[in-house]
N, C-alpha and C. Protein backbone atom coordinates (compact mmCIF):
# COMPACT_ATOMS: atom_id res chain seq x y z
N MET A 1 0.83 -1.22 0.00
CA MET A 1 0.00 0.00 0.00
C MET A 1 0.85 1.24 0.00
N GLY A 2 1.95 1.14 0.69
CA GLY A 2 2.84 2.29 0.73
C GLY A 2 3.38 2.59 -0.65
N GLY A 3 3.54 1.55 -1.50
CA GLY A 3 4.05 1.81 -2.84
C GLY A 3 3.06 2.56 -3.69
N ARG A 4 1.75 2.29 -3.50
CA ARG A 4 0.73 3.01 -4.27
C ARG A 4 0.72 4.49 -3.90
N VAL A 5 0.85 4.78 -2.64
CA VAL A 5 0.85 6.19 -2.20
C VAL A 5 2.04 6.92 -2.79
N ALA A 6 3.16 6.26 -2.81
CA ALA A 6 4.36 6.90 -3.33
C ALA A 6 4.22 7.17 -4.83
N ARG A 7 3.63 6.18 -5.53
CA ARG A 7 3.46 6.38 -6.97
C ARG A 7 2.44 7.48 -7.25
N ALA A 8 1.40 7.59 -6.47
CA ALA A 8 0.40 8.65 -6.65
C ALA A 8 1.00 10.03 -6.39
N THR A 9 1.82 10.12 -5.34
CA THR A 9 2.47 11.40 -5.02
C THR A 9 3.40 11.83 -6.14
N ALA A 10 4.13 10.88 -6.68
CA ALA A 10 5.05 11.20 -7.78
C ALA A 10 4.28 11.67 -9.01
N ALA A 11 3.12 11.04 -9.29
CA ALA A 11 2.31 11.44 -10.45
C ALA A 11 1.80 12.86 -10.31
N TRP A 12 1.32 13.20 -9.11
CA TRP A 12 0.85 14.57 -8.87
C TRP A 12 1.98 15.59 -8.99
N SER A 13 3.14 15.23 -8.60
CA SER A 13 4.29 16.13 -8.71
C SER A 13 4.60 16.42 -10.17
N VAL A 14 4.48 15.39 -11.00
CA VAL A 14 4.73 15.59 -12.43
C VAL A 14 3.69 16.51 -13.04
N VAL A 15 2.42 16.29 -12.66
CA VAL A 15 1.32 17.12 -13.19
C VAL A 15 1.51 18.58 -12.78
N LEU A 16 1.83 18.80 -11.52
CA LEU A 16 2.01 20.19 -11.04
C LEU A 16 3.19 20.85 -11.74
N GLY A 17 4.21 20.10 -12.01
CA GLY A 17 5.37 20.66 -12.73
C GLY A 17 5.01 21.07 -14.14
N LEU A 18 4.22 20.21 -14.82
CA LEU A 18 3.79 20.56 -16.17
C LEU A 18 2.93 21.81 -16.18
N VAL A 19 2.02 21.91 -15.21
CA VAL A 19 1.15 23.09 -15.14
C VAL A 19 1.97 24.36 -14.92
N ALA A 20 2.96 24.29 -14.05
CA ALA A 20 3.82 25.46 -13.79
C ALA A 20 4.59 25.86 -15.03
N GLY A 21 5.09 24.85 -15.76
CA GLY A 21 5.84 25.17 -16.97
C GLY A 21 4.99 25.80 -18.03
N VAL A 22 3.75 25.32 -18.19
CA VAL A 22 2.84 25.90 -19.18
C VAL A 22 2.48 27.32 -18.83
N SER A 23 2.28 27.60 -17.55
CA SER A 23 1.92 28.96 -17.13
C SER A 23 3.04 29.96 -17.41
N VAL A 24 4.27 29.50 -17.31
CA VAL A 24 5.39 30.38 -17.62
C VAL A 24 5.46 30.68 -19.10
N LEU A 25 5.15 29.69 -19.93
CA LEU A 25 5.22 29.86 -21.38
C LEU A 25 4.06 30.65 -21.94
N LEU A 26 2.97 30.73 -21.23
CA LEU A 26 1.81 31.47 -21.73
C LEU A 26 2.12 32.95 -21.80
N PRO A 27 1.58 33.71 -22.81
CA PRO A 27 1.81 35.16 -22.90
C PRO A 27 1.13 35.89 -21.76
N ALA A 28 1.61 37.11 -21.53
CA ALA A 28 1.03 37.93 -20.46
C ALA A 28 -0.40 38.28 -20.79
N THR A 29 -1.19 38.49 -19.80
CA THR A 29 -2.59 38.87 -19.99
C THR A 29 -2.69 40.28 -20.56
N PRO A 30 -3.77 40.62 -21.22
CA PRO A 30 -3.91 41.96 -21.79
C PRO A 30 -3.77 43.06 -20.76
N ALA A 31 -4.21 42.85 -19.53
CA ALA A 31 -4.11 43.91 -18.51
C ALA A 31 -2.67 44.25 -18.24
N ALA A 32 -1.78 43.21 -18.22
CA ALA A 32 -0.38 43.48 -17.93
C ALA A 32 0.31 44.17 -19.09
N ALA A 33 -0.26 44.13 -20.30
CA ALA A 33 0.34 44.75 -21.49
C ALA A 33 0.01 46.22 -21.58
N HIS A 34 -0.92 46.75 -20.81
CA HIS A 34 -1.27 48.16 -20.85
C HIS A 34 -0.14 49.01 -20.26
N ASN A 35 0.12 50.17 -20.93
CA ASN A 35 1.07 51.13 -20.39
C ASN A 35 0.35 52.01 -19.39
N SER A 36 1.09 52.69 -18.54
CA SER A 36 0.48 53.57 -17.54
C SER A 36 1.51 54.59 -17.07
N LEU A 37 1.01 55.70 -16.56
CA LEU A 37 1.88 56.75 -16.03
C LEU A 37 2.34 56.37 -14.63
N THR A 38 3.65 56.49 -14.38
CA THR A 38 4.19 56.16 -13.06
C THR A 38 4.66 57.39 -12.29
N GLY A 39 4.82 58.52 -12.94
CA GLY A 39 5.28 59.72 -12.24
C GLY A 39 5.44 60.88 -13.20
N SER A 40 5.65 62.08 -12.68
CA SER A 40 5.83 63.27 -13.50
C SER A 40 6.60 64.32 -12.73
N ASP A 41 7.11 65.27 -13.47
CA ASP A 41 7.81 66.42 -12.89
C ASP A 41 7.40 67.66 -13.68
N PRO A 42 6.63 68.58 -13.07
CA PRO A 42 6.12 68.62 -11.70
C PRO A 42 5.12 67.48 -11.43
N LYS A 43 4.97 67.19 -10.16
CA LYS A 43 4.04 66.15 -9.76
C LYS A 43 2.60 66.60 -9.95
N ASN A 44 1.73 65.64 -10.08
CA ASN A 44 0.31 65.96 -10.23
C ASN A 44 -0.20 66.65 -8.96
N GLY A 45 -0.82 67.82 -9.14
CA GLY A 45 -1.34 68.59 -8.01
C GLY A 45 -0.33 69.51 -7.36
N ALA A 46 0.91 69.58 -7.90
CA ALA A 46 1.95 70.41 -7.27
C ALA A 46 1.67 71.90 -7.50
N ARG A 47 2.22 72.71 -6.60
CA ARG A 47 2.18 74.17 -6.73
C ARG A 47 3.63 74.62 -6.81
N VAL A 48 4.01 75.27 -7.91
CA VAL A 48 5.40 75.67 -8.14
C VAL A 48 5.47 77.17 -8.34
N ALA A 49 6.50 77.77 -7.75
CA ALA A 49 6.70 79.21 -7.90
C ALA A 49 7.64 79.52 -9.06
N THR A 50 8.57 78.61 -9.33
CA THR A 50 9.50 78.78 -10.44
C THR A 50 9.09 77.85 -11.57
N ALA A 51 8.84 78.40 -12.73
CA ALA A 51 8.38 77.58 -13.85
C ALA A 51 9.48 76.64 -14.32
N PRO A 52 9.21 75.35 -14.51
CA PRO A 52 10.22 74.42 -15.03
C PRO A 52 10.48 74.68 -16.51
N LYS A 53 11.68 74.31 -16.95
CA LYS A 53 11.99 74.45 -18.36
C LYS A 53 11.29 73.37 -19.19
N ARG A 54 11.08 72.20 -18.56
CA ARG A 54 10.43 71.09 -19.25
C ARG A 54 9.46 70.40 -18.31
N VAL A 55 8.46 69.78 -18.90
CA VAL A 55 7.54 68.92 -18.16
C VAL A 55 7.87 67.48 -18.54
N GLU A 56 8.14 66.64 -17.54
CA GLU A 56 8.55 65.26 -17.81
C GLU A 56 7.48 64.29 -17.33
N LEU A 57 7.19 63.29 -18.16
CA LEU A 57 6.25 62.23 -17.82
C LEU A 57 7.00 60.90 -17.85
N ARG A 58 6.75 60.05 -16.84
CA ARG A 58 7.40 58.73 -16.76
C ARG A 58 6.31 57.65 -16.85
N PHE A 59 6.57 56.64 -17.69
CA PHE A 59 5.58 55.59 -17.94
C PHE A 59 6.13 54.21 -17.54
N LEU A 60 5.22 53.27 -17.42
CA LEU A 60 5.60 51.90 -17.06
C LEU A 60 6.45 51.27 -18.15
N ALA A 61 6.11 51.52 -19.40
CA ALA A 61 6.87 51.01 -20.54
C ALA A 61 7.23 52.18 -21.45
N SER A 62 8.23 51.95 -22.30
CA SER A 62 8.68 53.01 -23.21
C SER A 62 7.59 53.29 -24.23
N PRO A 63 7.11 54.53 -24.29
CA PRO A 63 6.04 54.86 -25.25
C PRO A 63 6.60 54.97 -26.67
N ALA A 64 5.81 54.63 -27.63
CA ALA A 64 6.21 54.76 -29.03
C ALA A 64 6.00 56.21 -29.47
N PRO A 65 7.05 56.86 -30.02
CA PRO A 65 6.90 58.27 -30.42
C PRO A 65 5.75 58.49 -31.41
N ALA A 66 5.56 57.56 -32.35
CA ALA A 66 4.52 57.75 -33.35
C ALA A 66 3.12 57.73 -32.76
N ALA A 67 2.96 57.06 -31.62
CA ALA A 67 1.63 56.93 -31.01
C ALA A 67 1.47 57.81 -29.77
N THR A 68 2.41 58.74 -29.58
CA THR A 68 2.38 59.58 -28.37
C THR A 68 2.00 61.01 -28.73
N LYS A 69 1.08 61.54 -27.97
CA LYS A 69 0.66 62.93 -28.14
C LYS A 69 0.54 63.57 -26.77
N ILE A 70 1.23 64.70 -26.58
CA ILE A 70 1.21 65.41 -25.29
C ILE A 70 0.94 66.89 -25.56
N THR A 71 0.00 67.46 -24.83
CA THR A 71 -0.32 68.88 -24.94
C THR A 71 -0.26 69.52 -23.56
N ILE A 72 0.08 70.81 -23.53
CA ILE A 72 0.11 71.58 -22.27
C ILE A 72 -0.69 72.85 -22.52
N THR A 73 -1.66 73.11 -21.67
CA THR A 73 -2.45 74.33 -21.77
C THR A 73 -2.47 75.03 -20.42
N GLY A 74 -2.42 76.37 -20.48
CA GLY A 74 -2.44 77.17 -19.27
C GLY A 74 -3.77 77.87 -19.07
N PRO A 75 -3.78 78.91 -18.26
CA PRO A 75 -5.03 79.66 -18.03
C PRO A 75 -5.61 80.17 -19.35
N ASP A 76 -6.92 80.18 -19.44
CA ASP A 76 -7.66 80.61 -20.64
C ASP A 76 -7.34 79.73 -21.84
N ASN A 77 -6.92 78.47 -21.57
CA ASN A 77 -6.62 77.51 -22.64
C ASN A 77 -5.52 77.97 -23.58
N VAL A 78 -4.57 78.73 -23.05
CA VAL A 78 -3.44 79.19 -23.86
C VAL A 78 -2.40 78.07 -23.94
N PRO A 79 -1.97 77.65 -25.15
CA PRO A 79 -0.97 76.59 -25.27
C PRO A 79 0.34 76.99 -24.59
N ALA A 80 0.95 76.03 -23.88
CA ALA A 80 2.19 76.31 -23.14
C ALA A 80 3.30 75.33 -23.49
N ALA A 81 3.10 74.48 -24.50
CA ALA A 81 4.15 73.56 -24.95
C ALA A 81 5.07 74.32 -25.89
N GLY A 82 6.38 74.30 -25.56
CA GLY A 82 7.33 75.08 -26.36
C GLY A 82 7.99 74.31 -27.48
N GLY A 83 7.54 73.10 -27.76
CA GLY A 83 8.17 72.32 -28.83
C GLY A 83 7.70 70.89 -28.81
N ALA A 84 8.32 70.06 -29.67
CA ALA A 84 7.96 68.65 -29.77
C ALA A 84 8.54 67.87 -28.59
N PRO A 85 7.89 66.77 -28.18
CA PRO A 85 8.41 65.97 -27.07
C PRO A 85 9.66 65.20 -27.47
N THR A 86 10.52 64.93 -26.49
CA THR A 86 11.71 64.12 -26.68
C THR A 86 11.57 62.86 -25.82
N PHE A 87 12.13 61.74 -26.30
CA PHE A 87 11.95 60.43 -25.66
C PHE A 87 13.30 59.90 -25.18
N ALA A 88 13.29 59.35 -23.98
CA ALA A 88 14.47 58.70 -23.40
C ALA A 88 14.00 57.52 -22.58
N GLY A 89 13.97 56.33 -23.18
CA GLY A 89 13.46 55.15 -22.48
C GLY A 89 11.98 55.30 -22.19
N ASN A 90 11.63 55.21 -20.91
CA ASN A 90 10.22 55.35 -20.54
C ASN A 90 9.87 56.78 -20.12
N ARG A 91 10.75 57.74 -20.44
CA ARG A 91 10.53 59.15 -20.07
C ARG A 91 10.25 59.98 -21.32
N VAL A 92 9.31 60.89 -21.18
CA VAL A 92 8.98 61.82 -22.26
C VAL A 92 9.03 63.24 -21.69
N SER A 93 9.78 64.14 -22.37
CA SER A 93 9.91 65.52 -21.90
C SER A 93 9.37 66.47 -22.96
N VAL A 94 8.69 67.50 -22.49
CA VAL A 94 8.11 68.50 -23.38
C VAL A 94 8.58 69.88 -22.92
N PRO A 95 9.17 70.71 -23.81
CA PRO A 95 9.55 72.07 -23.41
C PRO A 95 8.33 72.85 -22.92
N PHE A 96 8.56 73.62 -21.85
CA PHE A 96 7.46 74.36 -21.22
C PHE A 96 7.65 75.85 -21.41
N THR A 97 6.62 76.50 -21.91
CA THR A 97 6.63 77.95 -22.08
C THR A 97 5.63 78.55 -21.10
N PRO A 98 6.10 79.08 -19.98
CA PRO A 98 5.16 79.58 -18.97
C PRO A 98 4.45 80.84 -19.42
N GLY A 99 3.25 81.01 -18.92
CA GLY A 99 2.48 82.22 -19.20
C GLY A 99 2.01 82.84 -17.90
N ALA A 100 0.73 83.10 -17.81
CA ALA A 100 0.17 83.71 -16.61
C ALA A 100 0.12 82.69 -15.48
N ALA A 101 0.08 83.20 -14.27
CA ALA A 101 -0.05 82.33 -13.10
C ALA A 101 -1.42 81.66 -13.13
N GLY A 102 -1.44 80.40 -12.72
CA GLY A 102 -2.71 79.68 -12.72
C GLY A 102 -2.52 78.20 -12.95
N LEU A 103 -3.59 77.51 -13.31
CA LEU A 103 -3.59 76.07 -13.48
C LEU A 103 -3.10 75.68 -14.87
N TYR A 104 -2.20 74.68 -14.91
CA TYR A 104 -1.69 74.14 -16.17
C TYR A 104 -2.06 72.66 -16.24
N ILE A 105 -2.54 72.24 -17.40
CA ILE A 105 -2.99 70.87 -17.60
C ILE A 105 -2.12 70.21 -18.67
N VAL A 106 -1.51 69.06 -18.30
CA VAL A 106 -0.68 68.28 -19.22
C VAL A 106 -1.49 67.04 -19.60
N ALA A 107 -1.98 66.99 -20.82
CA ALA A 107 -2.76 65.84 -21.31
C ALA A 107 -1.85 64.95 -22.15
N TYR A 108 -1.95 63.63 -21.96
CA TYR A 108 -1.10 62.70 -22.71
C TYR A 108 -1.96 61.57 -23.29
N ARG A 109 -1.43 61.01 -24.35
CA ARG A 109 -2.04 59.84 -25.00
C ARG A 109 -0.88 59.01 -25.56
N VAL A 110 -0.69 57.80 -25.07
CA VAL A 110 0.42 56.93 -25.48
C VAL A 110 -0.14 55.57 -25.86
N GLY A 111 0.64 54.84 -26.65
CA GLY A 111 0.24 53.52 -27.07
C GLY A 111 0.64 52.47 -26.04
N SER A 112 0.05 51.27 -26.16
CA SER A 112 0.35 50.15 -25.28
C SER A 112 0.80 48.97 -26.14
N ALA A 113 1.40 47.98 -25.48
CA ALA A 113 1.87 46.80 -26.21
C ALA A 113 0.72 46.04 -26.83
N ASP A 114 -0.46 46.12 -26.25
CA ASP A 114 -1.60 45.39 -26.81
C ASP A 114 -2.33 46.20 -27.88
N GLY A 115 -1.81 47.39 -28.20
CA GLY A 115 -2.40 48.20 -29.25
C GLY A 115 -3.44 49.19 -28.78
N HIS A 116 -3.83 49.12 -27.52
CA HIS A 116 -4.83 50.05 -27.00
C HIS A 116 -4.15 51.30 -26.45
N PRO A 117 -4.56 52.52 -26.90
CA PRO A 117 -3.95 53.74 -26.36
C PRO A 117 -4.39 53.99 -24.93
N VAL A 118 -3.51 54.63 -24.19
CA VAL A 118 -3.79 55.02 -22.80
C VAL A 118 -3.70 56.54 -22.73
N SER A 119 -4.69 57.17 -22.17
CA SER A 119 -4.70 58.63 -22.07
C SER A 119 -4.99 59.06 -20.64
N GLY A 120 -4.59 60.28 -20.32
CA GLY A 120 -4.82 60.83 -18.99
C GLY A 120 -4.26 62.24 -18.93
N GLU A 121 -4.15 62.79 -17.75
CA GLU A 121 -3.62 64.14 -17.58
C GLU A 121 -3.09 64.33 -16.18
N ILE A 122 -2.18 65.30 -16.06
CA ILE A 122 -1.72 65.76 -14.74
C ILE A 122 -1.95 67.26 -14.69
N ARG A 123 -2.06 67.78 -13.48
CA ARG A 123 -2.30 69.21 -13.29
C ARG A 123 -1.34 69.76 -12.25
N PHE A 124 -0.86 70.95 -12.54
CA PHE A 124 -0.05 71.66 -11.54
C PHE A 124 -0.35 73.14 -11.64
N THR A 125 -0.07 73.87 -10.58
CA THR A 125 -0.38 75.30 -10.51
C THR A 125 0.91 76.11 -10.47
N LEU A 126 1.01 77.07 -11.37
CA LEU A 126 2.14 78.00 -11.37
C LEU A 126 1.70 79.24 -10.60
N THR A 127 2.38 79.49 -9.47
CA THR A 127 1.95 80.59 -8.60
C THR A 127 2.51 81.94 -9.02
N THR A 128 3.54 81.95 -9.85
CA THR A 128 4.14 83.21 -10.29
C THR A 128 4.15 83.21 -11.81
N GLY A 129 3.43 84.16 -12.39
CA GLY A 129 3.37 84.25 -13.84
C GLY A 129 4.52 85.05 -14.41
N THR A 130 4.67 84.99 -15.70
CA THR A 130 5.71 85.75 -16.38
C THR A 130 5.29 87.20 -16.48
N ALA A 131 6.29 88.08 -16.54
CA ALA A 131 6.00 89.50 -16.65
C ALA A 131 5.39 89.80 -18.00
N ALA A 132 4.46 90.71 -18.01
CA ALA A 132 3.81 91.08 -19.26
C ALA A 132 4.78 91.80 -20.16
N ALA A 133 4.67 91.59 -21.46
CA ALA A 133 5.55 92.24 -22.41
C ALA A 133 5.26 93.73 -22.43
N PRO A 134 6.34 94.57 -22.51
CA PRO A 134 6.11 96.02 -22.53
C PRO A 134 5.33 96.41 -23.77
N PRO A 135 4.44 97.38 -23.64
CA PRO A 135 3.65 97.79 -24.81
C PRO A 135 4.53 98.37 -25.88
N SER A 136 4.24 98.08 -27.12
CA SER A 136 5.04 98.59 -28.23
C SER A 136 4.83 100.08 -28.35
N ALA A 137 5.95 100.79 -28.63
CA ALA A 137 5.88 102.25 -28.75
C ALA A 137 5.07 102.60 -29.98
N THR A 138 4.09 103.42 -29.79
CA THR A 138 3.25 103.84 -30.91
C THR A 138 3.77 105.17 -31.44
N ALA A 139 3.80 105.27 -32.72
CA ALA A 139 4.30 106.49 -33.35
C ALA A 139 3.36 107.64 -33.07
N THR A 140 3.96 108.81 -32.70
CA THR A 140 3.15 110.00 -32.44
C THR A 140 2.61 110.53 -33.74
N PRO A 141 1.33 110.68 -33.85
CA PRO A 141 0.78 111.15 -35.12
C PRO A 141 1.32 112.51 -35.48
N ALA A 142 1.70 112.67 -36.72
CA ALA A 142 2.28 113.93 -37.17
C ALA A 142 1.23 115.04 -37.08
N THR A 143 1.71 116.19 -36.57
CA THR A 143 0.80 117.32 -36.43
C THR A 143 0.56 117.94 -37.79
N ALA A 144 -0.67 118.03 -38.15
CA ALA A 144 -0.98 118.58 -39.46
C ALA A 144 -0.62 120.05 -39.51
N ALA A 145 0.02 120.46 -40.60
CA ALA A 145 0.41 121.86 -40.76
C ALA A 145 -0.84 122.72 -40.84
N PRO A 146 -0.81 123.85 -40.15
CA PRO A 146 -2.01 124.72 -40.19
C PRO A 146 -2.30 125.14 -41.62
N SER A 147 -3.52 125.06 -41.95
CA SER A 147 -3.91 125.42 -43.32
C SER A 147 -3.80 126.92 -43.51
N THR A 148 -3.20 127.31 -44.64
CA THR A 148 -3.03 128.73 -44.94
C THR A 148 -4.32 129.27 -45.51
N PRO A 149 -4.85 130.30 -44.91
CA PRO A 149 -6.12 130.83 -45.44
C PRO A 149 -5.96 131.30 -46.87
N ALA A 150 -6.91 130.98 -47.65
CA ALA A 150 -6.85 131.39 -49.06
C ALA A 150 -6.90 132.91 -49.19
N ALA A 151 -5.99 133.38 -50.02
CA ALA A 151 -5.92 134.83 -50.21
C ALA A 151 -7.18 135.31 -50.91
N SER A 152 -7.71 136.40 -50.39
CA SER A 152 -8.92 136.93 -51.00
C SER A 152 -8.58 137.51 -52.36
N PRO A 153 -9.36 137.19 -53.34
CA PRO A 153 -9.05 137.69 -54.70
C PRO A 153 -9.06 139.20 -54.74
N ALA A 154 -8.07 139.73 -55.46
CA ALA A 154 -7.95 141.19 -55.56
C ALA A 154 -9.11 141.72 -56.41
N THR A 155 -9.67 142.79 -55.95
CA THR A 155 -10.79 143.40 -56.67
C THR A 155 -10.24 144.30 -57.75
N SER A 156 -10.53 143.97 -59.00
CA SER A 156 -10.02 144.76 -60.11
C SER A 156 -11.00 145.84 -60.54
N ALA A 157 -12.27 145.74 -60.10
CA ALA A 157 -13.26 146.73 -60.53
C ALA A 157 -13.00 148.05 -59.84
N VAL A 158 -13.02 149.13 -60.59
CA VAL A 158 -12.79 150.47 -60.05
C VAL A 158 -14.08 150.99 -59.46
N SER A 159 -13.98 151.55 -58.26
CA SER A 159 -15.17 152.08 -57.61
C SER A 159 -15.72 153.24 -58.42
N PRO A 160 -17.04 153.26 -58.64
CA PRO A 160 -17.61 154.38 -59.42
C PRO A 160 -17.52 155.70 -58.73
N THR A 161 -17.38 155.75 -57.41
CA THR A 161 -17.32 157.00 -56.66
C THR A 161 -15.91 157.54 -56.72
N PRO A 162 -15.66 158.73 -57.17
CA PRO A 162 -14.28 159.28 -57.23
C PRO A 162 -13.73 159.47 -55.85
N ALA A 163 -12.43 159.48 -55.79
CA ALA A 163 -11.76 159.65 -54.50
C ALA A 163 -12.06 161.03 -53.95
N ALA A 164 -11.83 161.17 -52.62
CA ALA A 164 -12.17 162.44 -51.95
C ALA A 164 -11.35 163.59 -52.48
N ASP A 165 -10.05 163.32 -52.73
CA ASP A 165 -9.24 164.45 -53.20
C ASP A 165 -9.65 164.89 -54.58
N GLU A 166 -10.13 164.00 -55.43
CA GLU A 166 -10.59 164.37 -56.75
C GLU A 166 -11.83 165.23 -56.67
N VAL A 167 -12.77 164.95 -55.77
CA VAL A 167 -13.98 165.74 -55.62
C VAL A 167 -13.64 167.14 -55.18
N ASP A 168 -12.75 167.31 -54.23
CA ASP A 168 -12.40 168.62 -53.72
C ASP A 168 -11.76 169.46 -54.78
N SER A 169 -10.90 168.87 -55.57
CA SER A 169 -10.20 169.67 -56.58
C SER A 169 -11.16 170.16 -57.63
N ASP A 170 -12.14 169.34 -58.05
CA ASP A 170 -13.11 169.79 -59.04
C ASP A 170 -13.97 170.91 -58.48
N GLY A 171 -14.38 170.76 -57.20
CA GLY A 171 -15.23 171.79 -56.60
C GLY A 171 -14.51 173.14 -56.52
N GLY A 172 -13.25 173.13 -56.16
CA GLY A 172 -12.49 174.39 -56.06
C GLY A 172 -12.39 175.09 -57.40
N THR A 173 -12.18 174.34 -58.48
CA THR A 173 -12.07 174.93 -59.82
C THR A 173 -13.39 175.58 -60.24
N GLY A 174 -14.50 174.97 -59.90
CA GLY A 174 -15.82 175.55 -60.25
C GLY A 174 -16.05 176.89 -59.58
N TRP A 175 -15.66 177.02 -58.32
CA TRP A 175 -15.83 178.29 -57.62
C TRP A 175 -14.99 179.38 -58.23
N LEU A 176 -13.82 179.02 -58.70
CA LEU A 176 -12.97 180.05 -59.32
C LEU A 176 -13.60 180.57 -60.60
N TRP A 177 -14.15 179.67 -61.38
CA TRP A 177 -14.83 180.11 -62.61
C TRP A 177 -16.03 181.00 -62.28
N ALA A 178 -16.80 180.64 -61.27
CA ALA A 178 -17.97 181.45 -60.92
C ALA A 178 -17.58 182.86 -60.46
N ALA A 179 -16.48 182.94 -59.69
CA ALA A 179 -16.03 184.25 -59.22
C ALA A 179 -15.57 185.13 -60.39
N GLY A 180 -14.89 184.47 -61.34
CA GLY A 180 -14.42 185.25 -62.50
C GLY A 180 -15.58 185.82 -63.31
N VAL A 181 -16.61 184.96 -63.49
CA VAL A 181 -17.78 185.41 -64.25
C VAL A 181 -18.47 186.56 -63.52
N ALA A 182 -18.56 186.44 -62.18
CA ALA A 182 -19.24 187.50 -61.43
C ALA A 182 -18.49 188.82 -61.55
N VAL A 183 -17.16 188.77 -61.50
CA VAL A 183 -16.35 190.00 -61.62
C VAL A 183 -16.54 190.61 -62.99
N ALA A 184 -16.59 189.74 -64.00
CA ALA A 184 -16.76 190.27 -65.38
C ALA A 184 -18.12 190.94 -65.53
N LEU A 185 -19.16 190.33 -64.94
CA LEU A 185 -20.50 190.91 -65.03
C LEU A 185 -20.55 192.24 -64.30
N VAL A 186 -19.90 192.34 -63.16
CA VAL A 186 -19.90 193.61 -62.42
C VAL A 186 -19.20 194.71 -63.23
N ALA A 187 -18.09 194.31 -63.84
CA ALA A 187 -17.34 195.32 -64.64
C ALA A 187 -18.16 195.77 -65.83
N LEU A 188 -18.85 194.81 -66.46
CA LEU A 188 -19.67 195.15 -67.62
C LEU A 188 -20.82 196.06 -67.21
N GLY A 189 -21.42 195.75 -66.06
CA GLY A 189 -22.54 196.58 -65.61
C GLY A 189 -22.08 198.01 -65.27
N GLY A 190 -20.90 198.10 -64.65
CA GLY A 190 -20.40 199.44 -64.31
C GLY A 190 -20.11 200.25 -65.57
N GLY A 191 -19.61 199.59 -66.59
CA GLY A 191 -19.31 200.31 -67.85
C GLY A 191 -20.59 200.82 -68.49
N LEU A 192 -21.64 200.03 -68.46
CA LEU A 192 -22.90 200.43 -69.05
C LEU A 192 -23.47 201.63 -68.31
N LEU A 193 -23.37 201.65 -66.98
CA LEU A 193 -23.89 202.78 -66.22
C LEU A 193 -23.13 204.07 -66.54
N LEU A 194 -21.82 203.94 -66.70
CA LEU A 194 -21.02 205.13 -67.01
C LEU A 194 -21.40 205.69 -68.37
N ARG A 195 -21.67 204.86 -69.35
CA ARG A 195 -22.05 205.33 -70.66
C ARG A 195 -23.39 206.04 -70.64
N ARG A 196 -24.36 205.50 -69.86
CA ARG A 196 -25.66 206.15 -69.80
C ARG A 196 -25.56 207.54 -69.16
N ARG A 197 -24.75 207.68 -68.10
CA ARG A 197 -24.61 209.01 -67.46
C ARG A 197 -23.95 210.03 -68.38
N SER A 198 -22.96 209.54 -69.06
CA SER A 198 -22.28 210.46 -69.97
C SER A 198 -23.21 210.90 -71.12
N ALA A 199 -24.11 210.05 -71.55
CA ALA A 199 -25.01 210.35 -72.63
C ALA A 199 -26.05 211.36 -72.16
N ARG A 200 -26.51 211.38 -70.97
CA ARG A 200 -27.48 212.31 -70.43
C ARG A 200 -26.86 213.70 -70.23
N GLY A 201 -25.66 213.71 -69.86
CA GLY A 201 -25.08 215.00 -69.57
C GLY A 201 -24.74 215.74 -70.82
């Protein structure tokens, strides 16, 4: 009887060994083939006063560049990615262009070994924004030259009324003629009277 027990135990040992060997040879399950994010810099939910030059994402497996897409947006949905991502093993870095202080969202989409993409996002807050660009100098509008008043056209028509000095000179000449005529008439009248007296006497 002891021999039967020993033979049964040996048979079970062989079966268990075969099962273990088959399990090792079987491919990994689909869940284990999925990629996933393992860390980031800045960390998810971090508050930073000094803006990083790059945002780095770390994954469980090396992401394929062709199947990877990463975007960074800041306050008011302003893009903050300063260039294309770079890959180093399971790390992906994206240049960061800081803007105003506020919440920044890093969205990612990477491929997995089983062909299914994995997407997600991390968020961090920049407490100190960049200084606003100085306003561009605006050219001072040229002062318009004062308009020269149009010269009034010269009047070529001669006034019908003679000048004052012309009127006076004509009037003086008329009085002289009248005085001369009066003197001549007086002389003529005196001569006639003398002739009549001489004729009577």
